[in-house]
Amino acid sequence: MENILREPIADYLKEESKEFGGNELANKFRHNFPEEIENLLIDKTRYKTIGSPGKGNWTDCPWIAILDTLITESPQKGYYPVFLFKSDMSGVYLSLNQGVTDVIENYKRDAKDVLKLRAEDFRARLKFDSSKFLTKIDLNSKTRNAKHYQAGNIIAKYYSNDNLPGSNELKSDIKQFLEYYENLAYSDSSFSDHTENNHFETKQIRLHWRIERNSGLSKKVKKKKGYECEACKMNFVDKYGELGAKYIEAHHLKPISELGIGKFKVDLENDFAVLCSNCHSMIHKLNDPSDLKKLKEIIKNCK
């Protein structure tokens, strides 16, 4: 495990002077190092790990990111834990950070200010020991991306090249950052608080909504199950013509009480239903929003 950090720090500057295409270390950043980290994760279906030594050319600060696919499937947006190597390879940060590309495209010159404001907001939602984590990082680089990663840092831990962590410490730190990542996801203010539920139930409810609102999963469900409501048989094309083509909503059927926090496996056929907007709203009014059979019975009895 230590090799994930030790090998880049030892070899990156030397390899950086060589041809980028086909380079062995560059290939390890894309494949070997992310795979080693992925092997530590409990749920490989929910998380994916991506590494980059640059695109077409060596980057000043290579990185390896762990993405929760319910938050983002691209390192260009959202937020996620990431190993960020300093440009002089004097050390590496494990940082809970933000995707900068999307912010740069949308906010241009104001991107750094936006990233800093978001980082402050994220920190305010987390309970962490400020004496154990860094809120500012220095990647020792003048490149645009590096400066934006510095602005986007939420919390970080630093490992110097002469004091790299052993396997156990590294595993423990990754686990801790994934817990902060998860807590941040479940603190998302776009979801209702459900104050009548206990803390664990609230997390389950928020996970349920996050699954339903994941655009990647939704597209896969619709492609597999089609565009006719499974409850009332409505097809939007019949009512709205071409405007309603390929429109339907994906509903996550797995009972909320059975959702394991930190674990998520996808069964597109059995864990989801495609519903029209009205049926989707109504199934959420049932005591058990997973009871598609009950909703069908209500519709049948009302005809």
C-alpha atoms as a PDB file:
ATOM      1  CA  MET A   1       0.000   0.000   0.000  1.00  0.00           C
ATOM      2  CA  GLU A   2       2.773   2.456   0.834  1.00  0.00           C
ATOM      3  CA  ASN A   3       3.940   2.090  -2.783  1.00  0.00           C
ATOM      4  CA  ILE A   4       0.911   4.075  -3.947  1.00  0.00           C
ATOM      5  CA  LEU A   5       2.536   7.158  -2.410  1.00  0.00           C
ATOM      6  CA  ARG A   6       6.204   6.202  -2.248  1.00  0.00           C
ATOM      7  CA  GLU A   7       6.715   5.260  -5.906  1.00  0.00           C
ATOM      8  CA  PRO A   8       5.295   8.490  -7.403  1.00  0.00           C
ATOM      9  CA  ILE A   9       7.208  10.634  -4.933  1.00  0.00           C
ATOM     10  CA  ALA A  10      10.448   8.779  -5.687  1.00  0.00           C
ATOM     11  CA  ASP A  11      10.092   8.585  -9.477  1.00  0.00           C
ATOM     12  CA  TYR A  12       7.719  11.272 -10.774  1.00  0.00           C
ATOM     13  CA  LEU A  13      10.210  14.100 -11.324  1.00  0.00           C
ATOM     14  CA  LYS A  14      12.579  11.734 -13.136  1.00  0.00           C
ATOM     15  CA  GLU A  15       9.805  10.272 -15.307  1.00  0.00           C
ATOM     16  CA  GLU A  16       8.401  13.750 -15.978  1.00  0.00           C
ATOM     17  CA  SER A  17      11.438  14.491 -18.155  1.00  0.00           C
ATOM     18  CA  LYS A  18      10.652  11.480 -20.352  1.00  0.00           C
ATOM     19  CA  GLU A  19       8.093  10.874 -23.092  1.00  0.00           C
ATOM     20  CA  PHE A  20       4.559  10.923 -21.687  1.00  0.00           C
ATOM     21  CA  GLY A  21       2.946   8.458 -24.085  1.00  0.00           C
ATOM     22  CA  GLY A  22       3.354   4.832 -23.001  1.00  0.00           C
ATOM     23  CA  ASN A  23       5.200   5.762 -19.795  1.00  0.00           C
ATOM     24  CA  GLU A  24       4.998   3.018 -17.152  1.00  0.00           C
ATOM     25  CA  LEU A  25       4.525   5.344 -14.174  1.00  0.00           C
ATOM     26  CA  ALA A  26       1.819   7.301 -16.020  1.00  0.00           C
ATOM     27  CA  ASN A  27       0.077   4.004 -16.704  1.00  0.00           C
ATOM     28  CA  LYS A  28       0.282   3.058 -13.024  1.00  0.00           C
ATOM     29  CA  PHE A  29      -1.450   6.332 -12.119  1.00  0.00           C
ATOM     30  CA  ARG A  30      -4.312   5.458 -14.449  1.00  0.00           C
ATOM     31  CA  HIS A  31      -4.652   1.801 -13.482  1.00  0.00           C
ATOM     32  CA  ASN A  32      -2.471   0.197 -10.769  1.00  0.00           C
ATOM     33  CA  PHE A  33      -2.604   2.852  -8.046  1.00  0.00           C
ATOM     34  CA  PRO A  34      -6.399   3.410  -8.321  1.00  0.00           C
ATOM     35  CA  GLU A  35      -6.985  -0.362  -8.297  1.00  0.00           C
ATOM     36  CA  GLU A  36      -4.928  -0.770  -5.115  1.00  0.00           C
ATOM     37  CA  ILE A  37      -6.995   1.904  -3.375  1.00  0.00           C
ATOM     38  CA  GLU A  38     -10.233   0.446  -4.744  1.00  0.00           C
ATOM     39  CA  ASN A  39      -9.376  -2.900  -3.161  1.00  0.00           C
ATOM     40  CA  LEU A  40      -9.644  -1.204   0.247  1.00  0.00           C
ATOM     41  CA  LEU A  41     -13.220  -0.029  -0.338  1.00  0.00           C
ATOM     42  CA  ILE A  42     -16.167  -1.938   1.118  1.00  0.00           C
ATOM     43  CA  ASP A  43     -18.547  -1.252  -1.746  1.00  0.00           C
ATOM     44  CA  LYS A  44     -16.877  -1.204  -5.142  1.00  0.00           C
ATOM     45  CA  THR A  45     -20.225  -0.810  -6.916  1.00  0.00           C
ATOM     46  CA  ARG A  46     -20.834   2.589  -5.325  1.00  0.00           C
ATOM     47  CA  TYR A  47     -17.326   4.050  -5.430  1.00  0.00           C
ATOM     48  CA  LYS A  48     -14.904   4.321  -8.313  1.00  0.00           C
ATOM     49  CA  THR A  49     -11.270   5.372  -8.139  1.00  0.00           C
ATOM     50  CA  ILE A  50      -9.571   7.450 -10.834  1.00  0.00           C
ATOM     51  CA  GLY A  51      -5.953   8.566 -11.142  1.00  0.00           C
ATOM     52  CA  SER A  52      -4.315  11.034 -13.503  1.00  0.00           C
ATOM     53  CA  PRO A  53      -0.710  11.962 -14.349  1.00  0.00           C
ATOM     54  CA  GLY A  54      -2.079  14.473 -16.872  1.00  0.00           C
ATOM     55  CA  LYS A  55      -3.823  14.479 -20.254  1.00  0.00           C
ATOM     56  CA  GLY A  56      -1.484  14.393 -23.220  1.00  0.00           C
ATOM     57  CA  ASN A  57       1.283  15.835 -21.033  1.00  0.00           C
ATOM     58  CA  TRP A  58       2.588  15.465 -17.509  1.00  0.00           C
ATOM     59  CA  THR A  59       0.635  17.472 -14.957  1.00  0.00           C
ATOM     60  CA  ASP A  60       2.421  19.432 -12.236  1.00  0.00           C
ATOM     61  CA  CYS A  61       0.387  17.773  -9.493  1.00  0.00           C
ATOM     62  CA  PRO A  62      -0.803  14.225 -10.268  1.00  0.00           C
ATOM     63  CA  TRP A  63      -3.782  12.910  -8.314  1.00  0.00           C
ATOM     64  CA  ILE A  64      -5.846   9.854  -7.362  1.00  0.00           C
ATOM     65  CA  ALA A  65      -9.519  10.478  -6.506  1.00  0.00           C
ATOM     66  CA  ILE A  66     -12.233   8.347  -4.868  1.00  0.00           C
ATOM     67  CA  LEU A  67     -15.686   9.181  -6.271  1.00  0.00           C
ATOM     68  CA  ASP A  68     -19.040   8.318  -4.710  1.00  0.00           C
ATOM     69  CA  THR A  69     -21.099   7.746  -7.863  1.00  0.00           C
ATOM     70  CA  LEU A  70     -24.220   8.973  -6.045  1.00  0.00           C
ATOM     71  CA  ILE A  71     -22.545  12.384  -5.814  1.00  0.00           C
ATOM     72  CA  THR A  72     -20.418  12.555  -8.949  1.00  0.00           C
ATOM     73  CA  GLU A  73     -19.059  10.196 -11.577  1.00  0.00           C
ATOM     74  CA  SER A  74     -16.559  12.753 -12.835  1.00  0.00           C
ATOM     75  CA  PRO A  75     -13.587  14.327 -11.032  1.00  0.00           C
ATOM     76  CA  GLN A  76     -14.432  17.537 -12.904  1.00  0.00           C
ATOM     77  CA  LYS A  77     -17.379  18.304 -10.628  1.00  0.00           C
ATOM     78  CA  GLY A  78     -18.844  17.559  -7.208  1.00  0.00           C
ATOM     79  CA  TYR A  79     -16.603  16.803  -4.246  1.00  0.00           C
ATOM     80  CA  TYR A  80     -14.535  13.793  -3.200  1.00  0.00           C
ATOM     81  CA  PRO A  81     -11.412  12.595  -1.331  1.00  0.00           C
ATOM     82  CA  VAL A  82      -8.274  12.856  -3.455  1.00  0.00           C
ATOM     83  CA  PHE A  83      -4.553  12.267  -3.071  1.00  0.00           C
ATOM     84  CA  LEU A  84      -2.851  15.426  -4.403  1.00  0.00           C
ATOM     85  CA  PHE A  85       0.914  15.251  -4.937  1.00  0.00           C
ATOM     86  CA  LYS A  86       2.976  18.432  -4.563  1.00  0.00           C
ATOM     87  CA  SER A  87       4.747  19.532  -7.744  1.00  0.00           C
ATOM     88  CA  ASP A  88       8.207  19.117  -6.176  1.00  0.00           C
ATOM     89  CA  MET A  89       7.208  15.702  -4.756  1.00  0.00           C
ATOM     90  CA  SER A  90       8.134  16.829  -1.262  1.00  0.00           C
ATOM     91  CA  GLY A  91       4.871  15.331  -0.034  1.00  0.00           C
ATOM     92  CA  VAL A  92       1.258  14.451  -0.762  1.00  0.00           C
ATOM     93  CA  TYR A  93      -2.096  15.548   0.653  1.00  0.00           C
ATOM     94  CA  LEU A  94      -5.135  13.412   1.295  1.00  0.00           C
ATOM     95  CA  SER A  95      -7.725  16.107   0.698  1.00  0.00           C
ATOM     96  CA  LEU A  96     -11.497  16.249   0.765  1.00  0.00           C
ATOM     97  CA  ASN A  97     -11.691  18.529  -2.243  1.00  0.00           C
ATOM     98  CA  GLN A  98     -13.891  19.753  -5.086  1.00  0.00           C
ATOM     99  CA  GLY A  99     -13.980  19.178  -8.826  1.00  0.00           C
ATOM    100  CA  VAL A 100     -12.563  22.367 -10.288  1.00  0.00           C
ATOM    101  CA  THR A 101     -13.154  22.064 -14.061  1.00  0.00           C
ATOM    102  CA  ASP A 102     -16.908  22.551 -13.858  1.00  0.00           C
ATOM    103  CA  VAL A 103     -16.529  25.549 -11.526  1.00  0.00           C
ATOM    104  CA  ILE A 104     -13.886  27.162 -13.773  1.00  0.00           C
ATOM    105  CA  GLU A 105     -16.141  26.790 -16.821  1.00  0.00           C
ATOM    106  CA  ASN A 106     -19.135  28.299 -15.038  1.00  0.00           C
ATOM    107  CA  TYR A 107     -17.505  31.068 -12.973  1.00  0.00           C
ATOM    108  CA  LYS A 108     -14.382  31.948 -14.974  1.00  0.00           C
ATOM    109  CA  ARG A 109     -12.310  34.521 -13.004  1.00  0.00           C
ATOM    110  CA  ASP A 110     -14.442  34.111  -9.897  1.00  0.00           C
ATOM    111  CA  ALA A 111     -13.874  30.339  -9.736  1.00  0.00           C
ATOM    112  CA  LYS A 112     -11.322  30.431  -6.895  1.00  0.00           C
ATOM    113  CA  ASP A 113     -13.585  32.616  -4.763  1.00  0.00           C
ATOM    114  CA  VAL A 114     -16.513  30.274  -5.409  1.00  0.00           C
ATOM    115  CA  LEU A 115     -14.438  27.227  -4.456  1.00  0.00           C
ATOM    116  CA  LYS A 116     -13.275  28.909  -1.235  1.00  0.00           C
ATOM    117  CA  LEU A 117     -16.846  29.852  -0.275  1.00  0.00           C
ATOM    118  CA  ARG A 118     -18.079  26.344  -0.970  1.00  0.00           C
ATOM    119  CA  ALA A 119     -15.218  24.873   1.052  1.00  0.00           C
ATOM    120  CA  GLU A 120     -16.189  27.061   4.021  1.00  0.00           C
ATOM    121  CA  ASP A 121     -19.798  25.932   3.705  1.00  0.00           C
ATOM    122  CA  PHE A 122     -18.781  22.262   3.562  1.00  0.00           C
ATOM    123  CA  ARG A 123     -16.536  22.664   6.621  1.00  0.00           C
ATOM    124  CA  ALA A 124     -19.404  24.276   8.525  1.00  0.00           C
ATOM    125  CA  ARG A 125     -21.468  21.136   7.913  1.00  0.00           C
ATOM    126  CA  LEU A 126     -18.769  18.762   9.152  1.00  0.00           C
ATOM    127  CA  LYS A 127     -17.848  17.954  12.731  1.00  0.00           C
ATOM    128  CA  PHE A 128     -14.074  17.567  12.735  1.00  0.00           C
ATOM    129  CA  ASP A 129     -11.120  18.235  14.995  1.00  0.00           C
ATOM    130  CA  SER A 130      -9.517  21.340  13.481  1.00  0.00           C
ATOM    131  CA  SER A 131      -6.227  20.527  15.212  1.00  0.00           C
ATOM    132  CA  LYS A 132      -5.895  17.291  13.190  1.00  0.00           C
ATOM    133  CA  PHE A 133      -6.731  18.575   9.722  1.00  0.00           C
ATOM    134  CA  LEU A 134      -5.540  21.313   7.378  1.00  0.00           C
ATOM    135  CA  THR A 135      -7.953  23.797   5.879  1.00  0.00           C
ATOM    136  CA  LYS A 136      -5.261  25.240   3.605  1.00  0.00           C
ATOM    137  CA  ILE A 137      -2.912  23.312   1.328  1.00  0.00           C
ATOM    138  CA  ASP A 138       0.106  24.361  -0.764  1.00  0.00           C
ATOM    139  CA  LEU A 139       0.852  22.312  -3.881  1.00  0.00           C
ATOM    140  CA  ASN A 140       3.935  24.421  -4.728  1.00  0.00           C
ATOM    141  CA  SER A 141       2.673  25.033  -8.244  1.00  0.00           C
ATOM    142  CA  LYS A 142       1.709  28.085 -10.287  1.00  0.00           C
ATOM    143  CA  THR A 143      -0.574  26.143 -12.649  1.00  0.00           C
ATOM    144  CA  ARG A 144      -4.242  27.101 -12.801  1.00  0.00           C
ATOM    145  CA  ASN A 145      -5.564  23.718 -11.714  1.00  0.00           C
ATOM    146  CA  ALA A 146      -3.222  23.527  -8.724  1.00  0.00           C
ATOM    147  CA  LYS A 147      -4.319  26.967  -7.526  1.00  0.00           C
ATOM    148  CA  HIS A 148      -7.948  25.939  -7.836  1.00  0.00           C
ATOM    149  CA  TYR A 149      -7.351  22.672  -5.960  1.00  0.00           C
ATOM    150  CA  GLN A 150      -5.813  24.753  -3.182  1.00  0.00           C
ATOM    151  CA  ALA A 151      -8.923  26.939  -3.103  1.00  0.00           C
ATOM    152  CA  GLY A 152     -11.207  23.903  -3.202  1.00  0.00           C
ATOM    153  CA  ASN A 153      -9.700  22.097  -0.220  1.00  0.00           C
ATOM    154  CA  ILE A 154     -12.244  21.358   2.512  1.00  0.00           C
ATOM    155  CA  ILE A 155     -10.035  19.429   4.934  1.00  0.00           C
ATOM    156  CA  ALA A 156      -6.732  17.653   4.355  1.00  0.00           C
ATOM    157  CA  LYS A 157      -3.993  15.569   5.913  1.00  0.00           C
ATOM    158  CA  TYR A 158      -0.367  15.971   4.788  1.00  0.00           C
ATOM    159  CA  TYR A 159       2.311  13.289   4.408  1.00  0.00           C
ATOM    160  CA  SER A 160       5.866  14.527   3.824  1.00  0.00           C
ATOM    161  CA  ASN A 161       8.178  12.457   1.622  1.00  0.00           C
ATOM    162  CA  ASP A 162      10.331  11.545   4.619  1.00  0.00           C
ATOM    163  CA  ASN A 163       7.371  10.502   6.786  1.00  0.00           C
ATOM    164  CA  LEU A 164       4.965   8.560   4.590  1.00  0.00           C
ATOM    165  CA  PRO A 165       2.275   6.494   6.337  1.00  0.00           C
ATOM    166  CA  GLY A 166       2.432   2.714   6.696  1.00  0.00           C
ATOM    167  CA  SER A 167      -0.322   0.482   5.336  1.00  0.00           C
ATOM    168  CA  ASN A 168      -2.423   0.506   8.494  1.00  0.00           C
ATOM    169  CA  GLU A 169      -2.292   4.279   8.904  1.00  0.00           C
ATOM    170  CA  LEU A 170      -3.122   4.821   5.252  1.00  0.00           C
ATOM    171  CA  LYS A 171      -6.091   2.441   5.396  1.00  0.00           C
ATOM    172  CA  SER A 172      -7.336   4.160   8.541  1.00  0.00           C
ATOM    173  CA  ASP A 173      -7.009   7.634   7.009  1.00  0.00           C
ATOM    174  CA  ILE A 174      -8.836   6.620   3.818  1.00  0.00           C
ATOM    175  CA  LYS A 175     -11.625   5.128   5.923  1.00  0.00           C
ATOM    176  CA  GLN A 176     -11.875   8.317   7.988  1.00  0.00           C
ATOM    177  CA  PHE A 177     -12.037  10.559   4.916  1.00  0.00           C
ATOM    178  CA  LEU A 178     -14.728   8.349   3.387  1.00  0.00           C
ATOM    179  CA  GLU A 179     -16.731   8.769   6.597  1.00  0.00           C
ATOM    180  CA  TYR A 180     -16.407  12.570   6.337  1.00  0.00           C
ATOM    181  CA  TYR A 181     -17.330  12.290   2.647  1.00  0.00           C
ATOM    182  CA  GLU A 182     -20.436  10.301   3.548  1.00  0.00           C
ATOM    183  CA  ASN A 183     -21.397  12.657   6.380  1.00  0.00           C
ATOM    184  CA  LEU A 184     -21.064  15.614   4.039  1.00  0.00           C
ATOM    185  CA  ALA A 185     -23.301  13.909   1.482  1.00  0.00           C
ATOM    186  CA  TYR A 186     -25.987  13.241   4.098  1.00  0.00           C
ATOM    187  CA  SER A 187     -25.813  16.796   5.383  1.00  0.00           C
ATOM    188  CA  ASP A 188     -26.893  18.079   1.965  1.00  0.00           C
ATOM    189  CA  SER A 189     -29.441  20.802   2.677  1.00  0.00           C
ATOM    190  CA  SER A 190     -31.387  20.009  -0.497  1.00  0.00           C
ATOM    191  CA  PHE A 191     -32.965  17.094   1.360  1.00  0.00           C
ATOM    192  CA  SER A 192     -35.618  17.476   4.047  1.00  0.00           C
ATOM    193  CA  ASP A 193     -34.512  16.954   7.627  1.00  0.00           C
ATOM    194  CA  HIS A 194     -37.186  14.421   8.623  1.00  0.00           C
ATOM    195  CA  THR A 195     -36.706  15.515  12.213  1.00  0.00           C
ATOM    196  CA  GLU A 196     -39.167  12.862  13.427  1.00  0.00           C
ATOM    197  CA  ASN A 197     -36.588  10.193  12.531  1.00  0.00           C
ATOM    198  CA  ASN A 198     -33.419   9.288  14.352  1.00  0.00           C
ATOM    199  CA  HIS A 199     -30.017  10.107  12.873  1.00  0.00           C
ATOM    200  CA  PHE A 200     -29.563   6.738  11.147  1.00  0.00           C
ATOM    201  CA  GLU A 201     -33.070   6.779   9.641  1.00  0.00           C
ATOM    202  CA  THR A 202     -32.480  10.293   8.330  1.00  0.00           C
ATOM    203  CA  LYS A 203     -29.284   9.088   6.636  1.00  0.00           C
ATOM    204  CA  GLN A 204     -31.226   6.222   5.056  1.00  0.00           C
ATOM    205  CA  ILE A 205     -33.900   8.580   3.722  1.00  0.00           C
ATOM    206  CA  ARG A 206     -31.290  10.915   2.265  1.00  0.00           C
ATOM    207  CA  LEU A 207     -29.474   7.983   0.674  1.00  0.00           C
ATOM    208  CA  HIS A 208     -32.787   6.865  -0.890  1.00  0.00           C
ATOM    209  CA  TRP A 209     -33.342  10.311  -2.440  1.00  0.00           C
ATOM    210  CA  ARG A 210     -29.755  10.536  -3.587  1.00  0.00           C
ATOM    211  CA  ILE A 211     -30.090   7.185  -5.376  1.00  0.00           C
ATOM    212  CA  GLU A 212     -33.293   8.316  -7.096  1.00  0.00           C
ATOM    213  CA  ARG A 213     -31.799  11.624  -8.210  1.00  0.00           C
ATOM    214  CA  ASN A 214     -28.623  10.113  -9.619  1.00  0.00           C
ATOM    215  CA  SER A 215     -28.839  10.897 -13.331  1.00  0.00           C
ATOM    216  CA  GLY A 216     -26.503   8.087 -14.380  1.00  0.00           C
ATOM    217  CA  LEU A 217     -28.558   5.425 -12.622  1.00  0.00           C
ATOM    218  CA  SER A 218     -31.810   6.965 -13.828  1.00  0.00           C
ATOM    219  CA  LYS A 219     -30.731   6.754 -17.474  1.00  0.00           C
ATOM    220  CA  LYS A 220     -29.732   3.098 -17.085  1.00  0.00           C
ATOM    221  CA  VAL A 221     -33.053   2.230 -15.431  1.00  0.00           C
ATOM    222  CA  LYS A 222     -35.082   3.931 -18.175  1.00  0.00           C
ATOM    223  CA  LYS A 223     -33.053   2.290 -20.921  1.00  0.00           C
ATOM    224  CA  LYS A 224     -33.651  -1.123 -19.367  1.00  0.00           C
ATOM    225  CA  LYS A 225     -37.312  -0.762 -18.313  1.00  0.00           C
ATOM    226  CA  GLY A 226     -38.742   1.585 -20.937  1.00  0.00           C
ATOM    227  CA  TYR A 227     -40.956   4.663 -20.675  1.00  0.00           C
ATOM    228  CA  GLU A 228     -44.379   3.330 -19.687  1.00  0.00           C
ATOM    229  CA  CYS A 229     -45.474   3.908 -16.077  1.00  0.00           C
ATOM    230  CA  GLU A 230     -45.443   0.580 -14.252  1.00  0.00           C
ATOM    231  CA  ALA A 231     -48.305   1.657 -12.012  1.00  0.00           C
ATOM    232  CA  CYS A 232     -50.891   3.326 -14.269  1.00  0.00           C
ATOM    233  CA  LYS A 233     -49.503   2.363 -17.716  1.00  0.00           C
ATOM    234  CA  MET A 234     -49.320   6.011 -18.853  1.00  0.00           C
ATOM    235  CA  ASN A 235     -46.880   6.865 -21.622  1.00  0.00           C
ATOM    236  CA  PHE A 236     -46.006  10.554 -21.945  1.00  0.00           C
ATOM    237  CA  VAL A 237     -45.925  10.297 -25.745  1.00  0.00           C
ATOM    238  CA  ASP A 238     -49.627   9.373 -25.783  1.00  0.00           C
ATOM    239  CA  LYS A 239     -50.503  12.600 -23.965  1.00  0.00           C
ATOM    240  CA  TYR A 240     -47.814  15.052 -25.066  1.00  0.00           C
ATOM    241  CA  GLY A 241     -46.627  13.659 -28.387  1.00  0.00           C
ATOM    242  CA  GLU A 242     -42.978  14.171 -29.276  1.00  0.00           C
ATOM    243  CA  LEU A 243     -42.534  16.463 -26.250  1.00  0.00           C
ATOM    244  CA  GLY A 244     -43.063  13.467 -23.976  1.00  0.00           C
ATOM    245  CA  ALA A 245     -40.696  11.131 -25.831  1.00  0.00           C
ATOM    246  CA  LYS A 246     -38.394   9.171 -23.536  1.00  0.00           C
ATOM    247  CA  TYR A 247     -39.706  10.908 -20.422  1.00  0.00           C
ATOM    248  CA  ILE A 248     -40.384   8.926 -17.232  1.00  0.00           C
ATOM    249  CA  GLU A 249     -39.097   8.978 -13.639  1.00  0.00           C
ATOM    250  CA  ALA A 250     -37.069   6.284 -11.897  1.00  0.00           C
ATOM    251  CA  HIS A 251     -38.218   5.224  -8.422  1.00  0.00           C
ATOM    252  CA  HIS A 252     -35.998   3.269  -6.044  1.00  0.00           C
ATOM    253  CA  LEU A 253     -38.079   0.380  -4.698  1.00  0.00           C
ATOM    254  CA  LYS A 254     -35.778  -1.051  -2.056  1.00  0.00           C
ATOM    255  CA  PRO A 255     -37.288  -0.390   1.398  1.00  0.00           C
ATOM    256  CA  ILE A 256     -35.574   2.539   3.060  1.00  0.00           C
ATOM    257  CA  SER A 257     -35.169   0.520   6.270  1.00  0.00           C
ATOM    258  CA  GLU A 258     -32.989  -1.974   4.383  1.00  0.00           C
ATOM    259  CA  LEU A 259     -30.537   0.566   2.992  1.00  0.00           C
ATOM    260  CA  GLY A 260     -27.094  -0.052   4.424  1.00  0.00           C
ATOM    261  CA  ILE A 261     -25.245   3.215   5.012  1.00  0.00           C
ATOM    262  CA  GLY A 262     -21.909   3.036   3.232  1.00  0.00           C
ATOM    263  CA  LYS A 263     -23.014   0.066   1.127  1.00  0.00           C
ATOM    264  CA  PHE A 264     -24.881   0.272  -2.141  1.00  0.00           C
ATOM    265  CA  LYS A 265     -25.444  -2.366  -4.796  1.00  0.00           C
ATOM    266  CA  VAL A 266     -27.437  -1.822  -7.974  1.00  0.00           C
ATOM    267  CA  ASP A 267     -30.080  -4.184  -9.346  1.00  0.00           C
ATOM    268  CA  LEU A 268     -31.670  -2.200 -12.172  1.00  0.00           C
ATOM    269  CA  GLU A 269     -34.358  -4.793 -12.853  1.00  0.00           C
ATOM    270  CA  ASN A 270     -35.618  -5.424  -9.322  1.00  0.00           C
ATOM    271  CA  ASP A 271     -34.673  -2.376  -7.255  1.00  0.00           C
ATOM    272  CA  PHE A 272     -36.289   0.254  -9.488  1.00  0.00           C
ATOM    273  CA  ALA A 273     -39.622   1.049 -11.132  1.00  0.00           C
ATOM    274  CA  VAL A 274     -40.339   3.591 -13.851  1.00  0.00           C
ATOM    275  CA  LEU A 275     -43.276   5.805 -12.901  1.00  0.00           C
ATOM    276  CA  CYS A 276     -45.069   8.847 -14.278  1.00  0.00           C
ATOM    277  CA  SER A 277     -44.712  12.006 -12.208  1.00  0.00           C
ATOM    278  CA  ASN A 278     -48.089  11.583 -10.477  1.00  0.00           C
ATOM    279  CA  CYS A 279     -47.542   7.946  -9.530  1.00  0.00           C
ATOM    280  CA  HIS A 280     -44.036   8.781  -8.330  1.00  0.00           C
ATOM    281  CA  SER A 281     -45.457  11.450  -6.009  1.00  0.00           C
ATOM    282  CA  MET A 282     -48.222   9.142  -4.777  1.00  0.00           C
ATOM    283  CA  ILE A 283     -45.976   6.158  -4.015  1.00  0.00           C
ATOM    284  CA  HIS A 284     -43.944   8.424  -1.733  1.00  0.00           C
ATOM    285  CA  LYS A 285     -47.147   9.145   0.234  1.00  0.00           C
ATOM    286  CA  LEU A 286     -47.544   5.448   1.116  1.00  0.00           C
ATOM    287  CA  ASN A 287     -46.289   4.221   4.479  1.00  0.00           C
ATOM    288  CA  ASP A 288     -44.020   1.930   2.478  1.00  0.00           C
ATOM    289  CA  PRO A 289     -42.755   3.725  -0.692  1.00  0.00           C
ATOM    290  CA  SER A 290     -41.414   0.393  -1.953  1.00  0.00           C
ATOM    291  CA  ASP A 291     -44.918  -1.127  -2.218  1.00  0.00           C
ATOM    292  CA  LEU A 292     -45.612  -0.855  -5.941  1.00  0.00           C
ATOM    293  CA  LYS A 293     -48.285  -3.559  -5.670  1.00  0.00           C
ATOM    294  CA  LYS A 294     -50.233  -1.439  -3.166  1.00  0.00           C
ATOM    295  CA  LEU A 295     -50.131   1.586  -5.499  1.00  0.00           C
ATOM    296  CA  LYS A 296     -51.412  -0.538  -8.387  1.00  0.00           C
ATOM    297  CA  GLU A 297     -54.308  -1.771  -6.211  1.00  0.00           C
ATOM    298  CA  ILE A 298     -55.263   1.811  -5.278  1.00  0.00           C
ATOM    299  CA  ILE A 299     -55.290   2.835  -8.946  1.00  0.00           C
ATOM    300  CA  LYS A 300     -57.364  -0.218  -9.915  1.00  0.00           C
ATOM    301  CA  ASN A 301     -59.924   0.372  -7.150  1.00  0.00           C
ATOM    302  CA  CYS A 302     -60.361   4.014  -8.169  1.00  0.00           C
ATOM    303  CA  LYS A 303     -61.175   3.258 -11.792  1.00  0.00           C
END
